[in-house]
């Protein structure tokens, strides 16, 4: 078995780490081939949810779950019952935020 000096192993290891960090060793590319300036043909599809759970709305608004559930139960945020769960349409979250913003603007202008 051929044993390389430790310094050579260490240098190779550093090169490999550097190559990985620079994303130079991708499938179908030579190790030294640069990827800068290329356009990708892959289309990105973002799937928007049709509705949110109460927990998701709480996180979006930066509220606690208890406060969000109270807003839903009092009708401040509209929702529909889906089995045992409540679901909130994205536009209903937007309506709530817009209503709060409108009320705040009216307070400031008064």
Protein backbone atom coordinates (compact mmCIF):
# COMPACT_ATOMS: atom_id res chain seq x y z
CA UNK A 1 0.00 0.00 0.00
CA UNK A 2 1.29 3.42 -0.99
CA UNK A 3 1.10 5.99 1.79
CA UNK A 4 1.16 9.67 0.91
CA UNK A 5 2.78 12.11 3.28
CA UNK A 6 0.32 13.70 5.69
CA UNK A 7 0.94 17.16 4.22
CA UNK A 8 -0.23 16.01 0.78
CA UNK A 9 -3.37 14.42 2.27
CA UNK A 10 -4.10 17.63 4.15
CA UNK A 11 -3.64 19.77 1.02
CA UNK A 12 -5.94 17.51 -0.98
CA UNK A 13 -8.52 17.67 1.78
CA UNK A 14 -8.42 21.48 1.79
CA UNK A 15 -8.80 21.55 -1.99
CA UNK A 16 -11.77 19.21 -1.84
CA UNK A 17 -13.45 21.34 0.82
CA UNK A 18 -12.79 24.50 -1.18
CA UNK A 19 -14.21 22.91 -4.32
CA UNK A 20 -17.35 21.86 -2.51
CA UNK A 21 -17.76 25.31 -1.01
CA UNK A 22 -17.46 26.89 -4.44
CA UNK A 23 -19.96 24.39 -5.91
CA UNK A 24 -17.45 23.39 -8.55
CA UNK A 25 -18.02 19.64 -8.34
CA UNK A 26 -21.55 19.43 -9.69
CA UNK A 27 -22.86 16.56 -11.75
CA UNK A 28 -21.87 16.84 -15.39
CA UNK A 29 -19.11 19.37 -14.88
CA UNK A 30 -15.39 19.17 -14.84
CA UNK A 31 -13.99 20.02 -11.40
CA UNK A 32 -12.52 23.34 -12.53
CA UNK A 33 -15.46 24.49 -14.68
CA UNK A 34 -17.10 27.70 -13.45
CA UNK A 35 -20.87 28.16 -13.33
CA UNK A 36 -21.01 31.93 -13.30
CA UNK A 37 -23.07 33.67 -15.92
CA UNK A 38 -25.14 30.68 -16.97
CA UNK A 39 -28.90 30.81 -17.07
CA UNK A 40 -30.81 27.83 -15.82
CA UNK A 41 -33.53 26.27 -17.95
CA UNK A 42 -35.29 24.85 -14.92
CA UNK A 43 -38.55 26.63 -14.09
CA UNK A 44 -39.35 27.21 -10.44
CA UNK A 45 -42.95 26.69 -9.39
CA UNK A 46 -44.07 28.17 -6.10
CA UNK A 47 -47.15 26.46 -4.73
CA UNK A 48 -49.29 28.85 -2.73
CA UNK A 49 -51.49 27.27 -0.07
CA UNK A 50 -55.25 27.53 -0.59
CA UNK A 51 -55.76 28.12 3.13
CA UNK A 52 -53.86 28.31 6.39
CA UNK A 53 -54.20 26.66 9.76
CA UNK A 54 -54.65 28.80 12.85
CA UNK A 55 -51.05 28.03 13.87
CA UNK A 56 -49.73 29.17 10.47
CA UNK A 57 -51.68 32.43 10.71
CA UNK A 58 -50.35 32.98 14.24
CA UNK A 59 -46.80 32.58 12.98
CA UNK A 60 -47.43 34.86 9.98
CA UNK A 61 -48.83 37.63 12.16
CA UNK A 62 -46.31 37.16 14.96
CA UNK A 63 -49.11 36.40 17.42
CA UNK A 64 -49.43 33.61 19.91
CA UNK A 65 -51.70 30.69 19.12
CA UNK A 66 -54.13 31.62 21.91
CA UNK A 67 -54.57 35.17 20.62
CA UNK A 68 -55.06 33.95 17.06
CA UNK A 69 -57.65 31.38 18.15
CA UNK A 70 -59.49 34.14 20.05
CA UNK A 71 -59.47 36.39 16.96
CA UNK A 72 -60.89 33.50 14.92
CA UNK A 73 -63.57 32.62 17.49
CA UNK A 74 -64.69 36.26 17.84
CA UNK A 75 -64.85 36.69 14.07
CA UNK A 76 -62.06 39.25 13.84
CA UNK A 77 -60.35 36.84 11.45
CA UNK A 78 -62.79 34.93 9.25
CA UNK A 79 -62.50 31.14 9.06
CA UNK A 80 -64.29 27.99 7.97
CA UNK A 81 -64.67 24.79 9.91
CA UNK A 82 -63.07 21.78 8.20
CA UNK A 83 -63.91 18.75 10.27
CA UNK A 84 -62.37 19.44 13.68
CA UNK A 85 -60.10 22.19 12.39
CA UNK A 86 -60.43 25.83 11.41
CA UNK A 87 -59.07 26.99 8.06
CA UNK A 88 -58.35 30.57 7.08
CA UNK A 89 -58.16 31.79 3.50
CA UNK A 90 -55.15 33.96 2.63
CA UNK A 91 -57.41 36.86 1.61
CA UNK A 92 -59.06 36.77 5.05
CA UNK A 93 -55.67 37.25 6.69
CA UNK A 94 -55.02 40.14 4.30
CA UNK A 95 -58.44 41.65 5.13
CA UNK A 96 -57.65 41.51 8.85
CA UNK A 97 -54.26 43.19 8.38
CA UNK A 98 -55.75 45.86 6.09
CA UNK A 99 -58.55 46.53 8.59
CA UNK A 100 -56.00 46.98 11.40
CA UNK A 101 -53.91 49.29 9.22
CA UNK A 102 -56.99 51.35 8.25
CA UNK A 103 -58.03 51.70 11.90
CA UNK A 104 -54.51 52.76 12.88
CA UNK A 105 -54.41 55.34 10.07
CA UNK A 106 -57.75 56.76 11.18
CA UNK A 107 -56.46 57.07 14.76
CA UNK A 108 -53.35 58.91 13.58
CA UNK A 109 -55.25 61.29 11.31
CA UNK A 110 -57.83 62.20 14.00
